[in-house]
């Protein structure tokens, strides 16, 4: 079966695409920032929830969105707004996103969604689903989840290497990058959404 045929080339291609979209290395300053605010982040929970979310969306993404009459563009716009708020927090040093959920939920929101398993990675998954074998996409996903676990688990080591000054600069820099990504995601998907309406 095509769906279960293994291809090393497809695995590597899917891994690279997902790695670039998830951008876990770019999330390092955000993870450090969340921890410095006193939020507890579990590496294995973040990895498990991310994998479960990706797998569920891989199989049922289109169906769930259609069930609620939500298209991928609307979903992406919603995700972009959350990312925009986090970027503003990082750049200006203000707290907008109140971590008022039960203890430990920071691992799920905003880390797993929308930062790791967000609209961009969901869109990439749906695109890969049309191109590659399901088996190869799942293997590529598991490989990315392993990288996510390592980065979150040993983020304190990276924090020591970078130092306080390095983390501050990185936080501001990636805040601007995150802001640009959120604006582009918002505009691109708004254009797509508006183009889908009958003239």
N, C-alpha and C. Protein backbone atom coordinates (compact mmCIF):
# COMPACT_ATOMS: atom_id res chain seq x y z
N UNK A 1 0.84 -1.21 0.00
CA UNK A 1 0.00 0.00 0.00
C UNK A 1 0.87 1.25 0.00
N UNK A 2 0.48 2.24 -0.78
CA UNK A 2 1.19 3.51 -0.85
C UNK A 2 1.28 4.17 0.52
N UNK A 3 0.17 4.07 1.29
CA UNK A 3 0.09 4.73 2.59
C UNK A 3 1.12 4.18 3.57
N UNK A 4 1.53 2.91 3.40
CA UNK A 4 2.43 2.27 4.34
C UNK A 4 3.80 1.95 3.74
N UNK A 5 4.10 2.51 2.58
CA UNK A 5 5.39 2.24 1.95
C UNK A 5 6.47 3.15 2.54
N UNK A 6 7.61 2.57 2.90
CA UNK A 6 8.69 3.33 3.52
C UNK A 6 9.64 3.90 2.47
N UNK A 7 10.00 5.15 2.66
CA UNK A 7 10.98 5.80 1.79
C UNK A 7 11.84 6.71 2.65
N UNK A 8 13.14 6.41 2.71
CA UNK A 8 14.07 7.21 3.52
C UNK A 8 14.07 8.66 3.06
N UNK A 9 14.02 8.86 1.75
CA UNK A 9 14.03 10.21 1.18
C UNK A 9 12.79 11.00 1.62
N UNK A 10 11.63 10.34 1.61
CA UNK A 10 10.40 11.00 2.04
C UNK A 10 10.44 11.35 3.52
N UNK A 11 11.00 10.44 4.34
CA UNK A 11 11.12 10.69 5.78
C UNK A 11 11.97 11.92 6.03
N UNK A 12 13.14 12.00 5.37
CA UNK A 12 14.04 13.14 5.55
C UNK A 12 13.39 14.43 5.06
N UNK A 13 12.74 14.37 3.90
CA UNK A 13 12.07 15.56 3.36
C UNK A 13 10.98 16.06 4.30
N UNK A 14 10.14 15.13 4.79
CA UNK A 14 9.06 15.49 5.70
C UNK A 14 9.61 16.02 7.02
N UNK A 15 10.71 15.41 7.49
CA UNK A 15 11.34 15.84 8.74
C UNK A 15 11.83 17.29 8.62
N UNK A 16 12.51 17.59 7.52
CA UNK A 16 13.07 18.94 7.30
C UNK A 16 11.96 19.98 7.22
N UNK A 17 10.89 19.66 6.49
CA UNK A 17 9.76 20.59 6.35
C UNK A 17 9.14 20.88 7.72
N UNK A 18 8.85 19.82 8.49
CA UNK A 18 8.22 19.98 9.80
C UNK A 18 9.16 20.68 10.79
N UNK A 19 10.46 20.36 10.73
CA UNK A 19 11.44 20.98 11.62
C UNK A 19 11.49 22.49 11.38
N UNK A 20 11.45 22.86 10.10
CA UNK A 20 11.50 24.29 9.74
C UNK A 20 10.24 25.02 10.20
N UNK A 21 9.09 24.36 10.04
CA UNK A 21 7.82 25.00 10.39
C UNK A 21 7.63 25.09 11.91
N UNK A 22 7.94 23.99 12.61
CA UNK A 22 7.80 23.97 14.07
C UNK A 22 8.82 24.93 14.71
N UNK A 23 10.05 24.92 14.17
CA UNK A 23 11.12 25.83 14.62
C UNK A 23 11.32 25.80 16.13
N UNK A 24 11.58 24.60 16.66
CA UNK A 24 11.75 24.43 18.11
C UNK A 24 12.97 25.20 18.63
N UNK A 25 14.02 25.33 17.81
CA UNK A 25 15.21 26.08 18.25
C UNK A 25 14.88 27.56 18.41
N UNK A 26 13.98 28.07 17.56
CA UNK A 26 13.55 29.45 17.67
C UNK A 26 12.67 29.70 18.89
N UNK A 27 12.12 28.60 19.45
CA UNK A 27 11.25 28.73 20.63
C UNK A 27 12.03 28.74 21.94
N UNK A 28 13.36 28.52 21.87
CA UNK A 28 14.18 28.45 23.09
C UNK A 28 13.99 29.68 23.99
N UNK A 29 14.10 30.93 23.43
CA UNK A 29 13.90 32.11 24.29
C UNK A 29 12.50 32.16 24.91
N UNK A 30 11.50 31.68 24.17
CA UNK A 30 10.12 31.69 24.67
C UNK A 30 9.97 30.71 25.82
N UNK A 31 10.56 29.51 25.67
CA UNK A 31 10.51 28.49 26.73
C UNK A 31 11.20 29.00 27.98
N UNK A 32 12.37 29.63 27.81
CA UNK A 32 13.11 30.20 28.95
C UNK A 32 12.28 31.30 29.60
N UNK A 33 11.65 32.15 28.77
CA UNK A 33 10.82 33.25 29.26
C UNK A 33 9.65 32.71 30.10
N UNK A 34 9.00 31.67 29.61
CA UNK A 34 7.87 31.07 30.34
C UNK A 34 8.33 30.49 31.67
N UNK A 35 9.51 29.86 31.67
CA UNK A 35 10.04 29.28 32.91
C UNK A 35 10.43 30.36 33.91
N UNK A 36 10.98 31.46 33.41
CA UNK A 36 11.40 32.56 34.29
C UNK A 36 10.19 33.22 34.96
N UNK A 37 9.02 33.11 34.34
CA UNK A 37 7.79 33.66 34.92
C UNK A 37 7.20 32.71 35.97
N UNK A 38 7.91 31.61 36.22
CA UNK A 38 7.48 30.66 37.24
C UNK A 38 6.55 29.58 36.74
N UNK A 39 6.44 29.44 35.43
CA UNK A 39 5.58 28.41 34.85
C UNK A 39 6.32 27.08 34.75
N UNK A 40 5.63 26.04 35.15
CA UNK A 40 6.22 24.70 35.11
C UNK A 40 5.99 24.09 33.72
N UNK A 41 7.08 23.66 33.08
CA UNK A 41 6.97 23.05 31.75
C UNK A 41 7.58 21.66 31.79
N UNK A 42 6.78 20.67 31.42
CA UNK A 42 7.23 19.28 31.41
C UNK A 42 7.62 18.88 29.98
N UNK A 43 8.88 18.45 29.82
CA UNK A 43 9.37 18.07 28.48
C UNK A 43 8.61 16.89 27.91
N UNK A 44 8.37 15.87 28.75
CA UNK A 44 7.71 14.67 28.22
C UNK A 44 6.23 14.93 27.93
N UNK A 45 5.59 15.76 28.76
CA UNK A 45 4.17 16.09 28.51
C UNK A 45 4.05 16.91 27.23
N UNK A 46 4.94 17.90 27.06
CA UNK A 46 4.90 18.73 25.86
C UNK A 46 5.11 17.87 24.62
N UNK A 47 6.03 16.92 24.71
CA UNK A 47 6.32 16.03 23.59
C UNK A 47 5.14 15.11 23.29
N UNK A 48 4.59 14.52 24.35
CA UNK A 48 3.46 13.59 24.19
C UNK A 48 2.23 14.29 23.62
N UNK A 49 1.87 15.45 24.21
CA UNK A 49 0.69 16.18 23.75
C UNK A 49 0.88 16.68 22.32
N UNK A 50 2.10 17.11 22.00
CA UNK A 50 2.37 17.58 20.64
C UNK A 50 2.19 16.44 19.64
N UNK A 51 2.78 15.27 19.95
CA UNK A 51 2.65 14.11 19.06
C UNK A 51 1.20 13.69 18.91
N UNK A 52 0.48 13.63 20.04
CA UNK A 52 -0.94 13.22 20.01
C UNK A 52 -1.76 14.20 19.16
N UNK A 53 -1.48 15.51 19.32
CA UNK A 53 -2.19 16.54 18.56
C UNK A 53 -1.90 16.42 17.07
N UNK A 54 -0.62 16.24 16.73
CA UNK A 54 -0.21 16.10 15.33
C UNK A 54 -0.86 14.87 14.68
N UNK A 55 -0.79 13.74 15.38
CA UNK A 55 -1.35 12.48 14.83
C UNK A 55 -2.86 12.62 14.64
N UNK A 56 -3.54 13.19 15.65
CA UNK A 56 -4.99 13.37 15.56
C UNK A 56 -5.34 14.27 14.38
N UNK A 57 -4.59 15.37 14.22
CA UNK A 57 -4.87 16.30 13.12
C UNK A 57 -4.54 15.68 11.77
N UNK A 58 -3.49 14.84 11.75
CA UNK A 58 -3.09 14.17 10.51
C UNK A 58 -4.23 13.31 9.97
N UNK A 59 -4.92 12.62 10.88
CA UNK A 59 -6.00 11.72 10.47
C UNK A 59 -7.37 12.41 10.38
N UNK A 60 -7.58 13.40 11.27
CA UNK A 60 -8.94 13.95 11.37
C UNK A 60 -9.02 15.46 11.18
N UNK A 61 -7.90 16.11 10.83
CA UNK A 61 -7.87 17.57 10.72
C UNK A 61 -8.94 18.18 9.85
N UNK A 62 -8.97 17.74 8.60
CA UNK A 62 -9.96 18.29 7.67
C UNK A 62 -11.38 18.04 8.13
N UNK A 63 -11.61 16.83 8.67
CA UNK A 63 -12.96 16.44 9.09
C UNK A 63 -13.43 17.31 10.27
N UNK A 64 -12.53 17.54 11.26
CA UNK A 64 -12.89 18.34 12.44
C UNK A 64 -13.17 19.79 12.05
N UNK A 65 -12.32 20.34 11.20
CA UNK A 65 -12.52 21.74 10.77
C UNK A 65 -13.83 21.88 10.00
N UNK A 66 -14.13 20.89 9.14
CA UNK A 66 -15.38 20.92 8.37
C UNK A 66 -16.60 20.76 9.27
N UNK A 67 -16.43 19.97 10.34
CA UNK A 67 -17.53 19.74 11.29
C UNK A 67 -17.98 21.05 11.93
N UNK A 68 -17.00 21.91 12.24
CA UNK A 68 -17.31 23.20 12.85
C UNK A 68 -17.40 24.34 11.83
N UNK A 69 -17.40 23.96 10.56
CA UNK A 69 -17.48 24.93 9.46
C UNK A 69 -16.35 25.96 9.56
N UNK A 70 -15.16 25.46 9.92
CA UNK A 70 -13.98 26.32 10.02
C UNK A 70 -12.98 25.86 8.97
N UNK A 71 -12.51 26.78 8.13
CA UNK A 71 -11.51 26.40 7.15
C UNK A 71 -10.11 26.63 7.74
N UNK A 72 -9.10 26.09 7.07
CA UNK A 72 -7.73 26.17 7.57
C UNK A 72 -7.24 27.61 7.67
N UNK A 73 -7.74 28.50 6.81
CA UNK A 73 -7.34 29.91 6.85
C UNK A 73 -7.84 30.59 8.11
N UNK A 74 -9.09 30.33 8.47
CA UNK A 74 -9.66 30.91 9.70
C UNK A 74 -8.91 30.39 10.93
N UNK A 75 -8.58 29.10 10.89
CA UNK A 75 -7.83 28.46 11.97
C UNK A 75 -6.46 29.11 12.10
N UNK A 76 -5.81 29.36 10.97
CA UNK A 76 -4.48 29.98 10.96
C UNK A 76 -4.53 31.41 11.49
N UNK A 77 -5.59 32.15 11.15
CA UNK A 77 -5.75 33.53 11.62
C UNK A 77 -5.88 33.55 13.15
N UNK A 78 -6.66 32.62 13.69
CA UNK A 78 -6.83 32.53 15.15
C UNK A 78 -5.48 32.25 15.83
N UNK A 79 -4.72 31.32 15.25
CA UNK A 79 -3.39 31.00 15.79
C UNK A 79 -2.44 32.18 15.70
N UNK A 80 -2.53 32.94 14.62
CA UNK A 80 -1.64 34.09 14.42
C UNK A 80 -1.87 35.17 15.48
N UNK A 81 -3.11 35.32 15.93
CA UNK A 81 -3.43 36.32 16.95
C UNK A 81 -2.80 35.98 18.30
N UNK A 82 -2.81 34.69 18.64
CA UNK A 82 -2.18 34.23 19.89
C UNK A 82 -0.67 34.45 19.81
N UNK A 83 -0.08 34.12 18.67
CA UNK A 83 1.37 34.30 18.48
C UNK A 83 1.72 35.79 18.52
N UNK A 84 0.86 36.64 17.96
CA UNK A 84 1.07 38.09 17.97
C UNK A 84 1.15 38.62 19.41
N UNK A 85 0.24 38.16 20.26
CA UNK A 85 0.21 38.59 21.66
C UNK A 85 1.50 38.18 22.37
N UNK A 86 1.96 36.96 22.13
CA UNK A 86 3.19 36.47 22.77
C UNK A 86 4.40 37.27 22.29
N UNK A 87 4.41 37.65 21.02
CA UNK A 87 5.52 38.44 20.46
C UNK A 87 5.56 39.82 21.11
N UNK A 88 4.40 40.44 21.30
CA UNK A 88 4.32 41.76 21.95
C UNK A 88 4.85 41.66 23.37
N UNK A 89 4.51 40.59 24.07
CA UNK A 89 5.01 40.36 25.43
C UNK A 89 6.54 40.31 25.45
N UNK A 90 7.11 39.56 24.51
CA UNK A 90 8.56 39.38 24.47
C UNK A 90 9.29 40.67 24.13
N UNK A 91 8.75 41.46 23.22
CA UNK A 91 9.42 42.69 22.77
C UNK A 91 9.31 43.80 23.81
N UNK A 92 8.12 44.01 24.36
CA UNK A 92 7.88 45.14 25.25
C UNK A 92 7.93 44.80 26.74
N UNK A 93 8.09 43.51 27.05
CA UNK A 93 8.22 43.12 28.45
C UNK A 93 6.94 43.31 29.26
N UNK A 94 5.79 43.19 28.60
CA UNK A 94 4.51 43.32 29.29
C UNK A 94 3.83 41.95 29.37
N UNK A 95 2.91 41.80 30.31
CA UNK A 95 2.18 40.54 30.43
C UNK A 95 0.74 40.73 29.99
N UNK A 96 0.40 40.10 28.88
CA UNK A 96 -0.96 40.17 28.34
C UNK A 96 -1.63 38.80 28.50
N UNK A 97 -0.83 37.78 28.16
CA UNK A 97 -1.34 36.40 28.22
C UNK A 97 -1.29 35.94 29.68
N UNK A 98 -2.41 36.00 30.37
CA UNK A 98 -2.46 35.63 31.78
C UNK A 98 -2.43 34.11 31.95
N UNK A 99 -1.43 33.62 32.67
CA UNK A 99 -1.32 32.19 32.93
C UNK A 99 -2.18 31.85 34.15
N UNK A 100 -3.51 31.92 33.95
CA UNK A 100 -4.41 31.74 35.09
C UNK A 100 -5.05 30.36 35.12
N UNK A 101 -4.53 29.45 34.32
CA UNK A 101 -5.06 28.09 34.31
C UNK A 101 -4.49 27.29 35.46
N UNK A 102 -4.96 26.05 35.65
CA UNK A 102 -4.42 25.18 36.68
C UNK A 102 -2.92 24.97 36.51
N UNK A 103 -2.25 24.63 37.58
CA UNK A 103 -0.80 24.45 37.56
C UNK A 103 -0.41 23.40 36.52
N UNK A 104 0.57 23.75 35.69
CA UNK A 104 1.08 22.81 34.69
C UNK A 104 0.47 22.97 33.31
N UNK A 105 -0.57 23.81 33.19
CA UNK A 105 -1.23 23.94 31.88
C UNK A 105 -0.43 24.76 30.88
N UNK A 106 0.62 25.45 31.35
CA UNK A 106 1.49 26.21 30.43
C UNK A 106 2.10 25.28 29.39
N UNK A 107 2.31 24.03 29.78
CA UNK A 107 2.85 23.04 28.85
C UNK A 107 1.94 22.90 27.64
N UNK A 108 0.62 22.98 27.88
CA UNK A 108 -0.35 22.79 26.79
C UNK A 108 -0.59 24.11 26.05
N UNK A 109 -0.96 25.17 26.80
CA UNK A 109 -1.18 26.49 26.20
C UNK A 109 -0.29 27.49 26.94
N UNK A 110 0.59 28.19 26.27
CA UNK A 110 0.69 28.32 24.80
C UNK A 110 1.76 27.46 24.15
N UNK A 111 2.47 26.59 24.93
CA UNK A 111 3.63 25.90 24.34
C UNK A 111 3.23 24.89 23.26
N UNK A 112 2.40 23.89 23.63
CA UNK A 112 1.99 22.89 22.63
C UNK A 112 1.15 23.56 21.55
N UNK A 113 0.13 24.31 21.99
CA UNK A 113 -0.68 25.07 21.02
C UNK A 113 -0.73 26.52 21.46
N UNK A 114 -0.39 27.48 20.59
CA UNK A 114 -0.15 27.31 19.16
C UNK A 114 1.32 27.29 18.73
N UNK A 115 2.27 27.29 19.71
CA UNK A 115 3.68 27.46 19.33
C UNK A 115 4.28 26.23 18.64
N UNK A 116 4.07 25.03 19.21
CA UNK A 116 4.61 23.82 18.57
C UNK A 116 3.61 23.28 17.55
N UNK A 117 2.44 22.91 18.05
CA UNK A 117 1.39 22.38 17.16
C UNK A 117 0.44 23.52 16.81
N UNK A 118 0.88 24.37 15.90
CA UNK A 118 0.07 25.52 15.53
C UNK A 118 -0.48 25.42 14.13
N UNK A 119 -1.08 26.49 13.69
CA UNK A 119 -1.72 26.51 12.37
C UNK A 119 -0.72 26.23 11.24
N UNK A 120 0.51 26.77 11.39
CA UNK A 120 1.53 26.56 10.35
C UNK A 120 1.90 25.11 10.19
N UNK A 121 2.14 24.44 11.33
CA UNK A 121 2.51 23.02 11.27
C UNK A 121 1.34 22.14 10.85
N UNK A 122 0.12 22.54 11.23
CA UNK A 122 -1.06 21.79 10.80
C UNK A 122 -1.23 21.89 9.28
N UNK A 123 -1.04 23.11 8.76
CA UNK A 123 -1.14 23.32 7.32
C UNK A 123 -0.08 22.51 6.58
N UNK A 124 1.15 22.50 7.14
CA UNK A 124 2.25 21.72 6.55
C UNK A 124 1.91 20.24 6.55
N UNK A 125 1.30 19.76 7.63
CA UNK A 125 0.91 18.35 7.73
C UNK A 125 -0.09 17.97 6.64
N UNK A 126 -1.09 18.83 6.45
CA UNK A 126 -2.10 18.56 5.42
C UNK A 126 -1.47 18.55 4.02
N UNK A 127 -0.48 19.42 3.82
CA UNK A 127 0.23 19.47 2.53
C UNK A 127 1.06 18.21 2.32
N UNK A 128 1.77 17.78 3.37
CA UNK A 128 2.60 16.57 3.29
C UNK A 128 1.74 15.33 3.07
N UNK A 129 0.55 15.35 3.67
CA UNK A 129 -0.38 14.21 3.56
C UNK A 129 -0.74 13.93 2.10
N UNK A 130 -0.77 15.01 1.31
CA UNK A 130 -1.12 14.87 -0.11
C UNK A 130 0.08 14.42 -0.95
N UNK A 131 1.28 14.53 -0.38
CA UNK A 131 2.50 14.23 -1.15
C UNK A 131 3.16 12.92 -0.79
N UNK A 132 3.21 12.62 0.52
CA UNK A 132 4.01 11.49 1.00
C UNK A 132 3.17 10.39 1.63
N UNK A 133 3.83 9.24 1.79
CA UNK A 133 3.20 8.09 2.45
C UNK A 133 2.95 8.44 3.92
N UNK A 134 1.83 7.97 4.45
CA UNK A 134 1.44 8.22 5.83
C UNK A 134 2.51 7.73 6.80
N UNK A 135 3.07 6.56 6.53
CA UNK A 135 4.11 5.98 7.39
C UNK A 135 5.32 6.90 7.50
N UNK A 136 5.75 7.45 6.37
CA UNK A 136 6.93 8.33 6.36
C UNK A 136 6.67 9.63 7.11
N UNK A 137 5.46 10.15 7.01
CA UNK A 137 5.11 11.38 7.74
C UNK A 137 5.13 11.12 9.24
N UNK A 138 4.59 9.98 9.66
CA UNK A 138 4.55 9.63 11.09
C UNK A 138 5.97 9.46 11.64
N UNK A 139 6.85 8.80 10.88
CA UNK A 139 8.25 8.63 11.31
C UNK A 139 8.92 10.00 11.44
N UNK A 140 8.70 10.89 10.47
CA UNK A 140 9.26 12.24 10.50
C UNK A 140 8.74 13.02 11.70
N UNK A 141 7.47 12.81 12.03
CA UNK A 141 6.86 13.46 13.19
C UNK A 141 7.52 13.02 14.49
N UNK A 142 7.71 11.71 14.63
CA UNK A 142 8.33 11.14 15.83
C UNK A 142 9.75 11.67 15.99
N UNK A 143 10.49 11.79 14.89
CA UNK A 143 11.85 12.33 14.92
C UNK A 143 11.85 13.78 15.40
N UNK A 144 10.88 14.57 14.92
CA UNK A 144 10.76 15.96 15.36
C UNK A 144 10.39 16.06 16.84
N UNK A 145 9.52 15.16 17.29
CA UNK A 145 9.12 15.15 18.69
C UNK A 145 10.32 14.83 19.59
N UNK A 146 11.21 13.95 19.12
CA UNK A 146 12.43 13.63 19.88
C UNK A 146 13.30 14.87 20.04
N UNK A 147 13.41 15.67 18.97
CA UNK A 147 14.19 16.92 19.03
C UNK A 147 13.53 17.90 20.00
N UNK A 148 12.20 17.99 19.95
CA UNK A 148 11.45 18.88 20.85
C UNK A 148 11.71 18.50 22.31
N UNK A 149 11.67 17.20 22.60
CA UNK A 149 11.91 16.72 23.97
C UNK A 149 13.30 17.13 24.45
N UNK A 150 14.31 16.90 23.62
CA UNK A 150 15.70 17.22 23.99
C UNK A 150 15.87 18.71 24.27
N UNK A 151 15.31 19.56 23.39
CA UNK A 151 15.44 21.01 23.55
C UNK A 151 14.78 21.48 24.85
N UNK A 152 13.53 21.03 25.11
CA UNK A 152 12.82 21.46 26.33
C UNK A 152 13.49 20.89 27.58
N UNK A 153 13.89 19.62 27.50
CA UNK A 153 14.50 18.94 28.66
C UNK A 153 15.81 19.60 29.07
N UNK A 154 16.61 20.03 28.08
CA UNK A 154 17.93 20.58 28.40
C UNK A 154 18.03 22.08 28.10
N UNK A 155 16.91 22.77 28.16
CA UNK A 155 16.90 24.21 27.88
C UNK A 155 17.73 24.98 28.91
N UNK A 156 17.84 24.43 30.14
CA UNK A 156 18.64 25.09 31.19
C UNK A 156 20.13 25.09 30.85
N UNK A 157 20.56 24.05 30.12
CA UNK A 157 21.96 23.97 29.68
C UNK A 157 22.22 25.08 28.66
N UNK A 158 21.28 25.24 27.73
CA UNK A 158 21.40 26.30 26.74
C UNK A 158 21.35 27.68 27.40
N UNK A 159 20.55 27.77 28.47
CA UNK A 159 20.43 29.02 29.21
C UNK A 159 21.78 29.40 29.84
N UNK A 160 22.48 28.40 30.38
CA UNK A 160 23.79 28.64 31.00
C UNK A 160 24.82 29.06 29.96
N UNK A 161 24.74 28.42 28.78
CA UNK A 161 25.70 28.73 27.70
C UNK A 161 25.49 30.15 27.19
N UNK A 162 24.22 30.55 27.03
CA UNK A 162 23.90 31.87 26.47
C UNK A 162 24.11 33.00 27.47
N UNK A 163 23.82 32.72 28.75
CA UNK A 163 23.94 33.77 29.77
C UNK A 163 22.73 34.70 29.75
N UNK A 164 22.61 35.54 30.79
CA UNK A 164 21.47 36.46 30.91
C UNK A 164 21.40 37.44 29.74
N UNK A 165 22.55 38.00 29.36
CA UNK A 165 22.58 38.96 28.26
C UNK A 165 22.18 38.34 26.94
N UNK A 166 22.70 37.15 26.68
CA UNK A 166 22.38 36.44 25.45
C UNK A 166 20.91 36.09 25.35
N UNK A 167 20.32 35.68 26.47
CA UNK A 167 18.91 35.33 26.51
C UNK A 167 18.04 36.57 26.25
N UNK A 168 18.45 37.71 26.86
CA UNK A 168 17.71 38.96 26.69
C UNK A 168 17.68 39.37 25.21
N UNK A 169 18.86 39.32 24.59
CA UNK A 169 18.97 39.70 23.17
C UNK A 169 18.16 38.74 22.30
N UNK A 170 18.29 37.44 22.58
CA UNK A 170 17.55 36.43 21.81
C UNK A 170 16.05 36.62 21.96
N UNK A 171 15.60 36.93 23.19
CA UNK A 171 14.17 37.10 23.44
C UNK A 171 13.60 38.25 22.61
N UNK A 172 14.34 39.37 22.59
CA UNK A 172 13.89 40.53 21.81
C UNK A 172 13.93 40.22 20.31
N UNK A 173 15.01 39.57 19.88
CA UNK A 173 15.18 39.25 18.46
C UNK A 173 14.08 38.32 17.98
N UNK A 174 13.87 37.22 18.72
CA UNK A 174 12.85 36.25 18.31
C UNK A 174 11.44 36.78 18.54
N UNK A 175 11.31 37.76 19.43
CA UNK A 175 10.02 38.42 19.59
C UNK A 175 9.62 39.14 18.32
N UNK A 176 10.61 39.84 17.72
CA UNK A 176 10.37 40.55 16.46
C UNK A 176 10.10 39.56 15.33
N UNK A 177 10.88 38.47 15.30
CA UNK A 177 10.67 37.42 14.28
C UNK A 177 9.27 36.83 14.41
N UNK A 178 8.90 36.54 15.66
CA UNK A 178 7.58 35.96 15.94
C UNK A 178 6.47 36.92 15.53
N UNK A 179 6.70 38.21 15.79
CA UNK A 179 5.73 39.24 15.41
C UNK A 179 5.55 39.28 13.89
N UNK A 180 6.68 39.21 13.17
CA UNK A 180 6.65 39.23 11.71
C UNK A 180 5.93 37.99 11.16
N UNK A 181 6.20 36.83 11.78
CA UNK A 181 5.55 35.59 11.36
C UNK A 181 4.04 35.67 11.57
N UNK A 182 3.63 36.20 12.73
CA UNK A 182 2.20 36.30 13.04
C UNK A 182 1.49 37.25 12.07
N UNK A 183 2.14 38.38 11.75
CA UNK A 183 1.55 39.34 10.82
C UNK A 183 1.42 38.72 9.42
N UNK A 184 2.49 38.04 8.99
CA UNK A 184 2.45 37.41 7.66
C UNK A 184 1.39 36.31 7.61
N UNK A 185 1.32 35.50 8.68
CA UNK A 185 0.33 34.43 8.74
C UNK A 185 -1.08 35.01 8.68
N UNK A 186 -1.28 36.12 9.41
CA UNK A 186 -2.59 36.77 9.45
C UNK A 186 -2.98 37.30 8.06
N UNK A 187 -2.06 38.05 7.44
CA UNK A 187 -2.35 38.67 6.14
C UNK A 187 -2.55 37.62 5.04
N UNK A 188 -1.62 36.64 4.98
CA UNK A 188 -1.71 35.60 3.94
C UNK A 188 -3.03 34.85 4.01
N UNK A 189 -3.41 34.49 5.23
CA UNK A 189 -4.64 33.70 5.39
C UNK A 189 -5.89 34.55 5.27
N UNK A 190 -5.77 35.84 5.60
CA UNK A 190 -6.91 36.74 5.42
C UNK A 190 -7.18 36.94 3.93
N UNK A 191 -6.11 37.08 3.15
CA UNK A 191 -6.23 37.21 1.68
C UNK A 191 -6.88 35.95 1.10
N UNK A 192 -6.39 34.77 1.56
CA UNK A 192 -6.94 33.49 1.10
C UNK A 192 -8.42 33.37 1.45
N UNK A 193 -8.75 33.80 2.67
CA UNK A 193 -10.13 33.73 3.17
C UNK A 193 -11.04 34.64 2.35
N UNK A 194 -10.58 35.88 2.11
CA UNK A 194 -11.38 36.85 1.35
C UNK A 194 -11.56 36.41 -0.11
N UNK A 195 -10.50 35.76 -0.65
CA UNK A 195 -10.56 35.29 -2.04
C UNK A 195 -11.56 34.14 -2.21
N UNK A 196 -11.84 33.43 -1.09
CA UNK A 196 -12.75 32.29 -1.17
C UNK A 196 -14.22 32.71 -1.19
N UNK A 197 -14.49 33.98 -0.80
CA UNK A 197 -15.87 34.45 -0.82
C UNK A 197 -16.30 34.74 -2.27
N UNK A 198 -17.54 34.44 -2.59
CA UNK A 198 -18.02 34.71 -3.95
C UNK A 198 -18.09 36.22 -4.21
N UNK A 199 -17.67 36.63 -5.39
CA UNK A 199 -17.66 38.05 -5.74
C UNK A 199 -19.03 38.49 -6.24
